[in-house]
C-alpha cells in the first residue's frame, strides 16, 4: 500500500534517530474498576482488529510502503497486567507507562502497539 507524506516524514525521522521512540504515544484511560479483566482485554483486541492504522508496519525497499498485519490473537496480544496497592497506584501507572512507552517499536514487523492495565489491589479483578 502507498504511504502518506506524514508517514514518510515520521519514518525518515525514525530511521535517522535510532534509540528515539518517534512513533510512541502514551494514552491513559481510567476505567471503572467494576469492569472485568476479560471485558477490557476483549475491547482492546477488538479496537486493534477494527483499526487498520494500528496494524500498519512499514518497509523502506524497494520504495517506502505500508502493509497491514493480521488482527491479533488474544494469546499474542501485548497486554501487561499490574496489580498495585492503592497507595502505590500512581507510581505503578508511571512504571507501566515507562515499560511500554520507552522501547522502540519494530516498525518493519510490528506490532506497533502495547497496552498495560493497572489495577488497585482494592479493585475487583
PDB file of N, CA and C in Angstrom:
ATOM      1  N   UNK A   1       0.843  -1.170   0.000  1.00  0.00           N
ATOM      2  CA  UNK A   1       0.000   0.000   0.000  1.00  0.00           C
ATOM      3  C   UNK A   1       0.890   1.236   0.000  1.00  0.00           C
ATOM      4  N   UNK A   2       0.410   2.297  -0.622  1.00  0.00           N
ATOM      5  CA  UNK A   2       1.194   3.538  -0.599  1.00  0.00           C
ATOM      6  C   UNK A   2       1.264   4.114   0.814  1.00  0.00           C
ATOM      7  N   UNK A   3       2.257   4.922   1.022  1.00  0.00           N
ATOM      8  CA  UNK A   3       2.489   5.550   2.323  1.00  0.00           C
ATOM      9  C   UNK A   3       2.154   7.042   2.190  1.00  0.00           C
ATOM     10  N   UNK A   4       1.576   7.632   3.227  1.00  0.00           N
ATOM     11  CA  UNK A   4       1.235   9.049   3.185  1.00  0.00           C
ATOM     12  C   UNK A   4       2.493   9.893   3.398  1.00  0.00           C
ATOM     13  N   UNK A   5       2.414  11.147   3.042  1.00  0.00           N
ATOM     14  CA  UNK A   5       3.551  12.058   3.249  1.00  0.00           C
ATOM     15  C   UNK A   5       3.875  12.189   4.737  1.00  0.00           C
ATOM     16  N   UNK A   6       2.852  12.230   5.581  1.00  0.00           N
ATOM     17  CA  UNK A   6       3.086  12.306   7.037  1.00  0.00           C
ATOM     18  C   UNK A   6       3.825  11.069   7.533  1.00  0.00           C
ATOM     19  N   UNK A   7       3.396   9.901   7.055  1.00  0.00           N
ATOM     20  CA  UNK A   7       4.061   8.666   7.447  1.00  0.00           C
ATOM     21  C   UNK A   7       5.501   8.636   6.950  1.00  0.00           C
ATOM     22  N   UNK A   8       5.721   9.119   5.733  1.00  0.00           N
ATOM     23  CA  UNK A   8       7.089   9.172   5.206  1.00  0.00           C
ATOM     24  C   UNK A   8       7.974  10.014   6.113  1.00  0.00           C
ATOM     25  N   UNK A   9       7.465  11.184   6.496  1.00  0.00           N
ATOM     26  CA  UNK A   9       8.244  12.067   7.359  1.00  0.00           C
ATOM     27  C   UNK A   9       8.593  11.418   8.685  1.00  0.00           C
ATOM     28  N   UNK A  10       7.612  10.787   9.321  1.00  0.00           N
ATOM     29  CA  UNK A  10       7.866  10.120  10.596  1.00  0.00           C
ATOM     30  C   UNK A  10       8.823   8.947  10.435  1.00  0.00           C
ATOM     31  N   UNK A  11       8.687   8.222   9.324  1.00  0.00           N
ATOM     32  CA  UNK A  11       9.566   7.084   9.086  1.00  0.00           C
ATOM     33  C   UNK A  11      11.009   7.530   8.869  1.00  0.00           C
ATOM     34  N   UNK A  12      11.192   8.620   8.133  1.00  0.00           N
ATOM     35  CA  UNK A  12      12.538   9.151   7.903  1.00  0.00           C
ATOM     36  C   UNK A  12      13.152   9.600   9.231  1.00  0.00           C
ATOM     37  N   UNK A  13      12.380  10.332  10.026  1.00  0.00           N
ATOM     38  CA  UNK A  13      12.885  10.779  11.331  1.00  0.00           C
ATOM     39  C   UNK A  13      13.212   9.563  12.196  1.00  0.00           C
ATOM     40  N   UNK A  14      12.346   8.561  12.191  1.00  0.00           N
ATOM     41  CA  UNK A  14      12.580   7.355  12.985  1.00  0.00           C
ATOM     42  C   UNK A  14      13.866   6.652  12.548  1.00  0.00           C
ATOM     43  N   UNK A  15      14.102   6.549  11.256  1.00  0.00           N
ATOM     44  CA  UNK A  15      15.301   5.878  10.750  1.00  0.00           C
ATOM     45  C   UNK A  15      16.571   6.659  11.070  1.00  0.00           C
ATOM     46  N   UNK A  16      16.467   7.967  11.117  1.00  0.00           N
ATOM     47  CA  UNK A  16      17.644   8.809  11.378  1.00  0.00           C
ATOM     48  C   UNK A  16      17.879   9.081  12.856  1.00  0.00           C
ATOM     49  N   UNK A  17      16.987   8.615  13.691  1.00  0.00           N
ATOM     50  CA  UNK A  17      17.103   8.865  15.129  1.00  0.00           C
ATOM     51  C   UNK A  17      17.038   7.561  15.903  1.00  0.00           C
ATOM     52  N   UNK A  18      18.000   6.657  15.700  1.00  0.00           N
ATOM     53  CA  UNK A  18      17.947   5.393  16.429  1.00  0.00           C
ATOM     54  C   UNK A  18      17.943   5.630  17.935  1.00  0.00           C
ATOM     55  N   UNK A  19      17.163   4.807  18.613  1.00  0.00           N
ATOM     56  CA  UNK A  19      17.081   4.932  20.061  1.00  0.00           C
ATOM     57  C   UNK A  19      16.048   5.930  20.532  1.00  0.00           C
ATOM     58  N   UNK A  20      15.379   6.599  19.597  1.00  0.00           N
ATOM     59  CA  UNK A  20      14.336   7.553  19.973  1.00  0.00           C
ATOM     60  C   UNK A  20      12.995   6.979  19.553  1.00  0.00           C
ATOM     61  N   UNK A  21      12.058   7.018  20.434  1.00  0.00           N
ATOM     62  CA  UNK A  21      10.743   6.422  20.182  1.00  0.00           C
ATOM     63  C   UNK A  21       9.827   7.445  19.514  1.00  0.00           C
ATOM     64  N   UNK A  22      10.040   7.687  18.224  1.00  0.00           N
ATOM     65  CA  UNK A  22       9.300   8.712  17.494  1.00  0.00           C
ATOM     66  C   UNK A  22       7.818   8.367  17.401  1.00  0.00           C
ATOM     67  N   UNK A  23       7.507   7.106  17.169  1.00  0.00           N
ATOM     68  CA  UNK A  23       6.117   6.700  16.969  1.00  0.00           C
ATOM     69  C   UNK A  23       5.365   6.469  18.271  1.00  0.00           C
ATOM     70  N   UNK A  24       6.041   6.369  19.389  1.00  0.00           N
ATOM     71  CA  UNK A  24       5.379   6.032  20.636  1.00  0.00           C
ATOM     72  C   UNK A  24       4.498   7.169  21.127  1.00  0.00           C
ATOM     73  N   UNK A  25       3.285   6.814  21.483  1.00  0.00           N
ATOM     74  CA  UNK A  25       2.338   7.775  22.036  1.00  0.00           C
ATOM     75  C   UNK A  25       1.608   7.082  23.176  1.00  0.00           C
ATOM     76  N   UNK A  26       1.693   7.649  24.366  1.00  0.00           N
ATOM     77  CA  UNK A  26       1.043   7.062  25.528  1.00  0.00           C
ATOM     78  C   UNK A  26      -0.307   7.732  25.757  1.00  0.00           C
ATOM     79  N   UNK A  27      -1.313   6.903  26.013  1.00  0.00           N
ATOM     80  CA  UNK A  27      -2.651   7.390  26.322  1.00  0.00           C
ATOM     81  C   UNK A  27      -3.115   6.655  27.566  1.00  0.00           C
ATOM     82  N   UNK A  28      -3.699   7.395  28.488  1.00  0.00           N
ATOM     83  CA  UNK A  28      -4.199   6.785  29.717  1.00  0.00           C
ATOM     84  C   UNK A  28      -5.715   6.893  29.742  1.00  0.00           C
ATOM     85  N   UNK A  29      -6.356   5.769  30.061  1.00  0.00           N
ATOM     86  CA  UNK A  29      -7.801   5.732  30.265  1.00  0.00           C
ATOM     87  C   UNK A  29      -8.042   5.231  31.676  1.00  0.00           C
ATOM     88  N   UNK A  30      -8.843   5.937  32.432  1.00  0.00           N
ATOM     89  CA  UNK A  30      -9.238   5.458  33.751  1.00  0.00           C
ATOM     90  C   UNK A  30     -10.583   4.753  33.578  1.00  0.00           C
ATOM     91  N   UNK A  31     -10.600   3.468  33.850  1.00  0.00           N
ATOM     92  CA  UNK A  31     -11.761   2.619  33.603  1.00  0.00           C
ATOM     93  C   UNK A  31     -12.399   2.237  34.928  1.00  0.00           C
ATOM     94  N   UNK A  32     -13.704   2.181  34.933  1.00  0.00           N
ATOM     95  CA  UNK A  32     -14.456   1.776  36.115  1.00  0.00           C
ATOM     96  C   UNK A  32     -13.880   0.459  36.639  1.00  0.00           C
ATOM     97  N   UNK A  33     -13.483   0.400  37.910  1.00  0.00           N
ATOM     98  CA  UNK A  33     -12.872  -0.814  38.447  1.00  0.00           C
ATOM     99  C   UNK A  33     -13.793  -2.029  38.446  1.00  0.00           C
ATOM    100  N   UNK A  34     -15.095  -1.828  38.262  1.00  0.00           N
ATOM    101  CA  UNK A  34     -16.008  -2.980  38.239  1.00  0.00           C
ATOM    102  C   UNK A  34     -16.007  -3.692  36.884  1.00  0.00           C
ATOM    103  N   UNK A  35     -15.366  -3.105  35.860  1.00  0.00           N
ATOM    104  CA  UNK A  35     -15.300  -3.745  34.549  1.00  0.00           C
ATOM    105  C   UNK A  35     -14.343  -4.930  34.647  1.00  0.00           C
ATOM    106  N   UNK A  36     -14.801  -6.125  34.295  1.00  0.00           N
ATOM    107  CA  UNK A  36     -13.947  -7.322  34.419  1.00  0.00           C
ATOM    108  C   UNK A  36     -12.752  -7.292  33.469  1.00  0.00           C
ATOM    109  N   UNK A  37     -11.677  -7.950  33.889  1.00  0.00           N
ATOM    110  CA  UNK A  37     -10.455  -8.015  33.089  1.00  0.00           C
ATOM    111  C   UNK A  37     -10.729  -8.547  31.682  1.00  0.00           C
ATOM    112  N   UNK A  38     -11.509  -9.608  31.578  1.00  0.00           N
ATOM    113  CA  UNK A  38     -11.788 -10.198  30.276  1.00  0.00           C
ATOM    114  C   UNK A  38     -12.455  -9.220  29.325  1.00  0.00           C
ATOM    115  N   UNK A  39     -13.329  -8.393  29.846  1.00  0.00           N
ATOM    116  CA  UNK A  39     -14.011  -7.405  29.005  1.00  0.00           C
ATOM    117  C   UNK A  39     -13.015  -6.348  28.508  1.00  0.00           C
ATOM    118  N   UNK A  40     -12.109  -5.937  29.361  1.00  0.00           N
ATOM    119  CA  UNK A  40     -11.093  -4.966  28.963  1.00  0.00           C
ATOM    120  C   UNK A  40     -10.205  -5.556  27.871  1.00  0.00           C
ATOM    121  N   UNK A  41      -9.760  -6.783  28.077  1.00  0.00           N
ATOM    122  CA  UNK A  41      -8.894  -7.410  27.086  1.00  0.00           C
ATOM    123  C   UNK A  41      -9.620  -7.571  25.751  1.00  0.00           C
ATOM    124  N   UNK A  42     -10.860  -8.045  25.767  1.00  0.00           N
ATOM    125  CA  UNK A  42     -11.614  -8.195  24.517  1.00  0.00           C
ATOM    126  C   UNK A  42     -11.801  -6.861  23.820  1.00  0.00           C
ATOM    127  N   UNK A  43     -12.050  -5.811  24.586  1.00  0.00           N
ATOM    128  CA  UNK A  43     -12.237  -4.482  23.994  1.00  0.00           C
ATOM    129  C   UNK A  43     -10.956  -4.000  23.317  1.00  0.00           C
ATOM    130  N   UNK A  44      -9.816  -4.184  23.970  1.00  0.00           N
ATOM    131  CA  UNK A  44      -8.546  -3.744  23.380  1.00  0.00           C
ATOM    132  C   UNK A  44      -8.216  -4.546  22.125  1.00  0.00           C
ATOM    133  N   UNK A  45      -8.403  -5.857  22.165  1.00  0.00           N
ATOM    134  CA  UNK A  45      -8.158  -6.695  20.989  1.00  0.00           C
ATOM    135  C   UNK A  45      -9.071  -6.258  19.841  1.00  0.00           C
ATOM    136  N   UNK A  46     -10.316  -5.947  20.155  1.00  0.00           N
ATOM    137  CA  UNK A  46     -11.275  -5.518  19.125  1.00  0.00           C
ATOM    138  C   UNK A  46     -10.877  -4.179  18.522  1.00  0.00           C
ATOM    139  N   UNK A  47     -10.466  -3.241  19.351  1.00  0.00           N
ATOM    140  CA  UNK A  47     -10.037  -1.934  18.837  1.00  0.00           C
ATOM    141  C   UNK A  47      -8.899  -2.101  17.842  1.00  0.00           C
ATOM    142  N   UNK A  48      -7.917  -2.898  18.176  1.00  0.00           N
ATOM    143  CA  UNK A  48      -6.785  -3.109  17.263  1.00  0.00           C
ATOM    144  C   UNK A  48      -7.261  -3.816  15.994  1.00  0.00           C
ATOM    145  N   UNK A  49      -8.179  -4.768  16.132  1.00  0.00           N
ATOM    146  CA  UNK A  49      -8.660  -5.520  14.968  1.00  0.00           C
ATOM    147  C   UNK A  49      -9.419  -4.623  13.988  1.00  0.00           C
ATOM    148  N   UNK A  50     -10.204  -3.673  14.502  1.00  0.00           N
ATOM    149  CA  UNK A  50     -11.038  -2.850  13.605  1.00  0.00           C
ATOM    150  C   UNK A  50     -10.365  -1.547  13.191  1.00  0.00           C
ATOM    151  N   UNK A  51      -9.204  -1.246  13.732  1.00  0.00           N
ATOM    152  CA  UNK A  51      -8.476  -0.031  13.371  1.00  0.00           C
ATOM    153  C   UNK A  51      -7.230  -0.406  12.574  1.00  0.00           C
ATOM    154  N   UNK A  52      -7.330  -0.460  11.245  1.00  0.00           N
ATOM    155  CA  UNK A  52      -6.179  -0.874  10.443  1.00  0.00           C
ATOM    156  C   UNK A  52      -4.915  -0.039  10.693  1.00  0.00           C
ATOM    157  N   UNK A  53      -5.073   1.228  11.002  1.00  0.00           N
ATOM    158  CA  UNK A  53      -3.895   2.070  11.222  1.00  0.00           C
ATOM    159  C   UNK A  53      -3.042   1.544  12.369  1.00  0.00           C
ATOM    160  N   UNK A  54      -3.654   0.862  13.321  1.00  0.00           N
ATOM    161  CA  UNK A  54      -2.890   0.321  14.448  1.00  0.00           C
ATOM    162  C   UNK A  54      -2.109  -0.924  14.054  1.00  0.00           C
ATOM    163  N   UNK A  55      -2.439  -1.509  12.913  1.00  0.00           N
ATOM    164  CA  UNK A  55      -1.784  -2.745  12.484  1.00  0.00           C
ATOM    165  C   UNK A  55      -0.847  -2.518  11.304  1.00  0.00           C
ATOM    166  N   UNK A  56      -0.532  -1.258  11.027  1.00  0.00           N
ATOM    167  CA  UNK A  56       0.368  -0.960   9.920  1.00  0.00           C
ATOM    168  C   UNK A  56       1.819  -1.195  10.321  1.00  0.00           C
ATOM    169  N   UNK A  57       2.582  -1.751   9.388  1.00  0.00           N
ATOM    170  CA  UNK A  57       4.029  -1.831   9.518  1.00  0.00           C
ATOM    171  C   UNK A  57       4.615  -1.273   8.232  1.00  0.00           C
ATOM    172  N   UNK A  58       5.858  -0.845   8.293  1.00  0.00           N
ATOM    173  CA  UNK A  58       6.434  -0.069   7.203  1.00  0.00           C
ATOM    174  C   UNK A  58       7.668  -0.731   6.618  1.00  0.00           C
ATOM    175  N   UNK A  59       7.849  -0.540   5.333  1.00  0.00           N
ATOM    176  CA  UNK A  59       9.037  -1.017   4.655  1.00  0.00           C
ATOM    177  C   UNK A  59       9.687   0.133   3.906  1.00  0.00           C
ATOM    178  N   UNK A  60      10.979   0.036   3.712  1.00  0.00           N
ATOM    179  CA  UNK A  60      11.725   1.079   3.005  1.00  0.00           C
ATOM    180  C   UNK A  60      12.054   0.689   1.576  1.00  0.00           C
ATOM    181  N   UNK A  61      12.150  -0.624   1.307  1.00  0.00           N
ATOM    182  CA  UNK A  61      12.578  -1.077  -0.010  1.00  0.00           C
ATOM    183  C   UNK A  61      11.513  -1.964  -0.644  1.00  0.00           C
ATOM    184  N   UNK A  62      11.325  -1.956  -1.929  1.00  0.00           N
ATOM    185  CA  UNK A  62      12.072  -1.185  -2.928  1.00  0.00           C
ATOM    186  C   UNK A  62      11.735   0.305  -2.890  1.00  0.00           C
ATOM    187  N   UNK A  63      10.607   0.661  -2.286  1.00  0.00           N
ATOM    188  CA  UNK A  63      10.268   2.052  -2.006  1.00  0.00           C
ATOM    189  C   UNK A  63       9.478   2.065  -0.705  1.00  0.00           C
ATOM    190  N   UNK A  64       9.345   3.217  -0.081  1.00  0.00           N
ATOM    191  CA  UNK A  64       8.603   3.276   1.180  1.00  0.00           C
ATOM    192  C   UNK A  64       7.182   2.773   0.944  1.00  0.00           C
ATOM    193  N   UNK A  65       6.750   1.874   1.827  1.00  0.00           N
ATOM    194  CA  UNK A  65       5.409   1.324   1.700  1.00  0.00           C
ATOM    195  C   UNK A  65       4.889   0.909   3.076  1.00  0.00           C
ATOM    196  N   UNK A  66       3.616   0.623   3.124  1.00  0.00           N
ATOM    197  CA  UNK A  66       2.966   0.180   4.352  1.00  0.00           C
ATOM    198  C   UNK A  66       2.213  -1.114   4.028  1.00  0.00           C
ATOM    199  N   UNK A  67       2.148  -1.993   5.022  1.00  0.00           N
ATOM    200  CA  UNK A  67       1.317  -3.179   4.876  1.00  0.00           C
ATOM    201  C   UNK A  67       0.583  -3.406   6.202  1.00  0.00           C
ATOM    202  N   UNK A  68      -0.503  -4.121   6.120  1.00  0.00           N
ATOM    203  CA  UNK A  68      -1.283  -4.412   7.319  1.00  0.00           C
ATOM    204  C   UNK A  68      -0.929  -5.783   7.859  1.00  0.00           C
ATOM    205  N   UNK A  69      -0.768  -5.869   9.150  1.00  0.00           N
ATOM    206  CA  UNK A  69      -0.587  -7.156   9.794  1.00  0.00           C
ATOM    207  C   UNK A  69      -1.978  -7.707  10.116  1.00  0.00           C
ATOM    208  N   UNK A  70      -2.097  -9.000  10.281  1.00  0.00           N
ATOM    209  CA  UNK A  70      -3.409  -9.563  10.622  1.00  0.00           C
ATOM    210  C   UNK A  70      -3.853  -9.107  12.008  1.00  0.00           C
ATOM    211  N   UNK A  71      -5.160  -9.121  12.259  1.00  0.00           N
ATOM    212  CA  UNK A  71      -5.627  -8.801  13.614  1.00  0.00           C
ATOM    213  C   UNK A  71      -4.978  -9.742  14.626  1.00  0.00           C
ATOM    214  N   UNK A  72      -4.686  -9.239  15.806  1.00  0.00           N
ATOM    215  CA  UNK A  72      -4.000 -10.059  16.807  1.00  0.00           C
ATOM    216  C   UNK A  72      -4.914 -11.135  17.387  1.00  0.00           C
ATOM    217  N   UNK A  73      -4.297 -12.225  17.765  1.00  0.00           N
ATOM    218  CA  UNK A  73      -4.996 -13.260  18.519  1.00  0.00           C
ATOM    219  C   UNK A  73      -4.827 -12.926  20.004  1.00  0.00           C
ATOM    220  N   UNK A  74      -5.837 -13.173  20.813  1.00  0.00           N
ATOM    221  CA  UNK A  74      -5.728 -12.813  22.236  1.00  0.00           C
ATOM    222  C   UNK A  74      -4.465 -13.343  22.910  1.00  0.00           C
ATOM    223  N   UNK A  75      -4.035 -14.556  22.577  1.00  0.00           N
ATOM    224  CA  UNK A  75      -2.853 -15.124  23.239  1.00  0.00           C
ATOM    225  C   UNK A  75      -1.559 -14.424  22.829  1.00  0.00           C
ATOM    226  N   UNK A  76      -1.569 -13.679  21.725  1.00  0.00           N
ATOM    227  CA  UNK A  76      -0.375 -12.975  21.252  1.00  0.00           C
ATOM    228  C   UNK A  76      -0.441 -11.471  21.513  1.00  0.00           C
ATOM    229  N   UNK A  77      -1.468 -11.031  22.187  1.00  0.00           N
ATOM    230  CA  UNK A  77      -1.704  -9.600  22.366  1.00  0.00           C
ATOM    231  C   UNK A  77      -0.757  -9.025  23.415  1.00  0.00           C
ATOM    232  N   UNK A  78      -0.051  -7.922  23.087  1.00  0.00           N
ATOM    233  CA  UNK A  78       0.911  -7.338  24.043  1.00  0.00           C
ATOM    234  C   UNK A  78       0.224  -6.520  25.141  1.00  0.00           C
ATOM    235  N   UNK A  79      -0.249  -7.229  26.144  1.00  0.00           N
ATOM    236  CA  UNK A  79      -1.000  -6.612  27.233  1.00  0.00           C
ATOM    237  C   UNK A  79      -0.377  -7.032  28.559  1.00  0.00           C
ATOM    238  N   UNK A  80       0.015  -6.045  29.334  1.00  0.00           N
ATOM    239  CA  UNK A  80       0.630  -6.285  30.642  1.00  0.00           C
ATOM    240  C   UNK A  80      -0.413  -6.000  31.718  1.00  0.00           C
ATOM    241  N   UNK A  81      -0.525  -6.892  32.678  1.00  0.00           N
ATOM    242  CA  UNK A  81      -1.436  -6.719  33.818  1.00  0.00           C
ATOM    243  C   UNK A  81      -0.615  -6.430  35.065  1.00  0.00           C
ATOM    244  N   UNK A  82      -0.995  -5.385  35.790  1.00  0.00           N
ATOM    245  CA  UNK A  82      -0.278  -4.979  37.002  1.00  0.00           C
ATOM    246  C   UNK A  82      -1.303  -4.779  38.113  1.00  0.00           C
ATOM    247  N   UNK A  83      -0.990  -5.287  39.276  1.00  0.00           N
ATOM    248  CA  UNK A  83      -1.808  -5.024  40.458  1.00  0.00           C
ATOM    249  C   UNK A  83      -0.932  -4.281  41.452  1.00  0.00           C
ATOM    250  N   UNK A  84      -1.458  -3.167  41.970  1.00  0.00           N
ATOM    251  CA  UNK A  84      -0.687  -2.341  42.902  1.00  0.00           C
ATOM    252  C   UNK A  84      -1.537  -2.009  44.125  1.00  0.00           C
ATOM    253  N   UNK A  85      -0.852  -1.830  45.232  1.00  0.00           N
ATOM    254  CA  UNK A  85      -1.567  -1.341  46.410  1.00  0.00           C
ATOM    255  C   UNK A  85      -2.139   0.031  46.089  1.00  0.00           C
ATOM    256  N   UNK A  86      -3.242   0.360  46.712  1.00  0.00           N
ATOM    257  CA  UNK A  86      -3.918   1.624  46.426  1.00  0.00           C
ATOM    258  C   UNK A  86      -2.974   2.813  46.582  1.00  0.00           C
ATOM    259  N   UNK A  87      -2.163   2.808  47.624  1.00  0.00           N
ATOM    260  CA  UNK A  87      -1.262   3.945  47.859  1.00  0.00           C
ATOM    261  C   UNK A  87      -0.142   4.025  46.812  1.00  0.00           C
ATOM    262  N   UNK A  88       0.143   2.904  46.127  1.00  0.00           N
ATOM    263  CA  UNK A  88       1.206   2.859  45.115  1.00  0.00           C
ATOM    264  C   UNK A  88       0.674   2.912  43.686  1.00  0.00           C
ATOM    265  N   UNK A  89      -0.631   3.152  43.551  1.00  0.00           N
ATOM    266  CA  UNK A  89      -1.274   3.053  42.243  1.00  0.00           C
ATOM    267  C   UNK A  89      -0.643   3.990  41.203  1.00  0.00           C
ATOM    268  N   UNK A  90      -0.518   5.265  41.502  1.00  0.00           N
ATOM    269  CA  UNK A  90       0.026   6.218  40.529  1.00  0.00           C
ATOM    270  C   UNK A  90       1.470   5.887  40.161  1.00  0.00           C
ATOM    271  N   UNK A  91       2.230   5.447  41.137  1.00  0.00           N
ATOM    272  CA  UNK A  91       3.607   5.035  40.854  1.00  0.00           C
ATOM    273  C   UNK A  91       3.620   3.821  39.919  1.00  0.00           C
ATOM    274  N   UNK A  92       2.704   2.875  40.146  1.00  0.00           N
ATOM    275  CA  UNK A  92       2.617   1.687  39.281  1.00  0.00           C
ATOM    276  C   UNK A  92       2.201   2.072  37.868  1.00  0.00           C
ATOM    277  N   UNK A  93       1.295   3.035  37.741  1.00  0.00           N
ATOM    278  CA  UNK A  93       0.891   3.518  36.414  1.00  0.00           C
ATOM    279  C   UNK A  93       2.100   4.126  35.704  1.00  0.00           C
ATOM    280  N   UNK A  94       2.838   4.959  36.389  1.00  0.00           N
ATOM    281  CA  UNK A  94       4.026   5.586  35.796  1.00  0.00           C
ATOM    282  C   UNK A  94       5.056   4.559  35.369  1.00  0.00           C
ATOM    283  N   UNK A  95       5.269   3.544  36.202  1.00  0.00           N
ATOM    284  CA  UNK A  95       6.239   2.489  35.862  1.00  0.00           C
ATOM    285  C   UNK A  95       5.763   1.701  34.640  1.00  0.00           C
ATOM    286  N   UNK A  96       4.480   1.407  34.564  1.00  0.00           N
ATOM    287  CA  UNK A  96       3.940   0.687  33.402  1.00  0.00           C
ATOM    288  C   UNK A  96       4.083   1.535  32.143  1.00  0.00           C
ATOM    289  N   UNK A  97       3.829   2.820  32.252  1.00  0.00           N
ATOM    290  CA  UNK A  97       3.991   3.707  31.093  1.00  0.00           C
ATOM    291  C   UNK A  97       5.432   3.699  30.602  1.00  0.00           C
ATOM    292  N   UNK A  98       6.374   3.722  31.523  1.00  0.00           N
ATOM    293  CA  UNK A  98       7.788   3.686  31.112  1.00  0.00           C
ATOM    294  C   UNK A  98       8.131   2.356  30.433  1.00  0.00           C
ATOM    295  N   UNK A  99       7.625   1.250  30.995  1.00  0.00           N
ATOM    296  CA  UNK A  99       7.937  -0.068  30.419  1.00  0.00           C
ATOM    297  C   UNK A  99       7.363  -0.215  29.003  1.00  0.00           C
ATOM    298  N   UNK A 100       6.147   0.238  28.794  1.00  0.00           N
ATOM    299  CA  UNK A 100       5.554   0.040  27.467  1.00  0.00           C
ATOM    300  C   UNK A 100       5.851   1.192  26.521  1.00  0.00           C
ATOM    301  N   UNK A 101       6.241   2.336  27.049  1.00  0.00           N
ATOM    302  CA  UNK A 101       6.422   3.505  26.199  1.00  0.00           C
ATOM    303  C   UNK A 101       7.835   3.787  25.750  1.00  0.00           C
ATOM    304  N   UNK A 102       8.806   3.304  26.473  1.00  0.00           N
ATOM    305  CA  UNK A 102      10.197   3.623  26.126  1.00  0.00           C
ATOM    306  C   UNK A 102      10.779   2.779  25.003  1.00  0.00           C
ATOM    307  N   UNK A 103      10.559   1.476  25.001  1.00  0.00           N
ATOM    308  CA  UNK A 103      11.188   0.695  23.917  1.00  0.00           C
ATOM    309  C   UNK A 103      10.636   1.120  22.559  1.00  0.00           C
ATOM    310  N   UNK A 104      11.531   1.173  21.588  1.00  0.00           N
ATOM    311  CA  UNK A 104      11.097   1.500  20.232  1.00  0.00           C
ATOM    312  C   UNK A 104      10.230   0.370  19.687  1.00  0.00           C
ATOM    313  N   UNK A 105       9.296   0.741  18.828  1.00  0.00           N
ATOM    314  CA  UNK A 105       8.506  -0.264  18.129  1.00  0.00           C
ATOM    315  C   UNK A 105       9.301  -0.771  16.942  1.00  0.00           C
ATOM    316  N   UNK A 106       9.074  -2.011  16.591  1.00  0.00           N
ATOM    317  CA  UNK A 106       9.641  -2.575  15.381  1.00  0.00           C
ATOM    318  C   UNK A 106       8.689  -2.222  14.245  1.00  0.00           C
ATOM    319  N   UNK A 107       8.948  -1.106  13.584  1.00  0.00           N
ATOM    320  CA  UNK A 107       8.034  -0.610  12.561  1.00  0.00           C
ATOM    321  C   UNK A 107       8.017  -1.464  11.308  1.00  0.00           C
ATOM    322  N   UNK A 108       9.007  -2.336  11.143  1.00  0.00           N
ATOM    323  CA  UNK A 108       9.039  -3.206   9.969  1.00  0.00           C
ATOM    324  C   UNK A 108       8.219  -4.479  10.185  1.00  0.00           C
ATOM    325  N   UNK A 109       8.082  -4.920  11.425  1.00  0.00           N
ATOM    326  CA  UNK A 109       7.410  -6.193  11.692  1.00  0.00           C
ATOM    327  C   UNK A 109       6.208  -6.090  12.614  1.00  0.00           C
ATOM    328  N   UNK A 110       6.196  -5.059  13.464  1.00  0.00           N
ATOM    329  CA  UNK A 110       5.086  -4.891  14.391  1.00  0.00           C
ATOM    330  C   UNK A 110       5.192  -5.848  15.572  1.00  0.00           C
ATOM    331  N   UNK A 111       4.269  -5.812  16.485  1.00  0.00           N
ATOM    332  CA  UNK A 111       3.185  -4.847  16.492  1.00  0.00           C
ATOM    333  C   UNK A 111       3.665  -3.466  16.913  1.00  0.00           C
ATOM    334  N   UNK A 112       2.929  -2.464  16.492  1.00  0.00           N
ATOM    335  CA  UNK A 112       3.272  -1.079  16.830  1.00  0.00           C
ATOM    336  C   UNK A 112       2.319  -0.563  17.905  1.00  0.00           C
ATOM    337  N   UNK A 113       2.030  -1.426  18.865  1.00  0.00           N
ATOM    338  CA  UNK A 113       1.170  -1.057  19.980  1.00  0.00           C
ATOM    339  C   UNK A 113       1.504  -1.960  21.164  1.00  0.00           C
ATOM    340  N   UNK A 114       1.299  -1.419  22.357  1.00  0.00           N
ATOM    341  CA  UNK A 114       1.443  -2.164  23.609  1.00  0.00           C
ATOM    342  C   UNK A 114       0.422  -1.596  24.589  1.00  0.00           C
ATOM    343  N   UNK A 115      -0.043  -2.424  25.491  1.00  0.00           N
ATOM    344  CA  UNK A 115      -1.034  -1.987  26.465  1.00  0.00           C
ATOM    345  C   UNK A 115      -0.657  -2.480  27.850  1.00  0.00           C
ATOM    346  N   UNK A 116      -1.099  -1.740  28.853  1.00  0.00           N
ATOM    347  CA  UNK A 116      -0.966  -2.171  30.244  1.00  0.00           C
ATOM    348  C   UNK A 116      -2.252  -1.812  30.967  1.00  0.00           C
ATOM    349  N   UNK A 117      -2.688  -2.688  31.839  1.00  0.00           N
ATOM    350  CA  UNK A 117      -3.827  -2.427  32.712  1.00  0.00           C
ATOM    351  C   UNK A 117      -3.290  -2.474  34.130  1.00  0.00           C
ATOM    352  N   UNK A 118      -3.490  -1.390  34.856  1.00  0.00           N
ATOM    353  CA  UNK A 118      -3.037  -1.314  36.247  1.00  0.00           C
ATOM    354  C   UNK A 118      -4.277  -1.289  37.124  1.00  0.00           C
ATOM    355  N   UNK A 119      -4.363  -2.237  38.015  1.00  0.00           N
ATOM    356  CA  UNK A 119      -5.479  -2.355  38.935  1.00  0.00           C
ATOM    357  C   UNK A 119      -5.002  -2.101  40.355  1.00  0.00           C
ATOM    358  N   UNK A 120      -5.860  -1.478  41.142  1.00  0.00           N
ATOM    359  CA  UNK A 120      -5.597  -1.348  42.562  1.00  0.00           C
ATOM    360  C   UNK A 120      -5.942  -2.670  43.220  1.00  0.00           C
ATOM    361  N   UNK A 121      -5.168  -3.071  44.199  1.00  0.00           N
ATOM    362  CA  UNK A 121      -5.466  -4.333  44.882  1.00  0.00           C
ATOM    363  C   UNK A 121      -6.797  -4.261  45.595  1.00  0.00           C
ATOM    364  N   UNK A 122      -7.347  -3.068  45.753  1.00  0.00           N
ATOM    365  CA  UNK A 122      -8.660  -2.883  46.356  1.00  0.00           C
ATOM    366  C   UNK A 122      -9.771  -3.029  45.325  1.00  0.00           C
ATOM    367  N   UNK A 123      -9.404  -3.096  44.032  1.00  0.00           N
ATOM    368  CA  UNK A 123     -10.391  -3.191  42.965  1.00  0.00           C
ATOM    369  C   UNK A 123     -10.741  -4.630  42.683  1.00  0.00           C
ATOM    370  N   UNK A 124     -11.986  -4.892  42.253  1.00  0.00           N
ATOM    371  CA  UNK A 124     -12.298  -6.260  41.825  1.00  0.00           C
ATOM    372  C   UNK A 124     -11.541  -6.583  40.536  1.00  0.00           C
ATOM    373  N   UNK A 125     -11.199  -7.826  40.336  1.00  0.00           N
ATOM    374  CA  UNK A 125     -10.426  -8.210  39.151  1.00  0.00           C
ATOM    375  C   UNK A 125     -11.261  -8.845  38.108  1.00  0.00           C
TER     376      UNK A 125
END
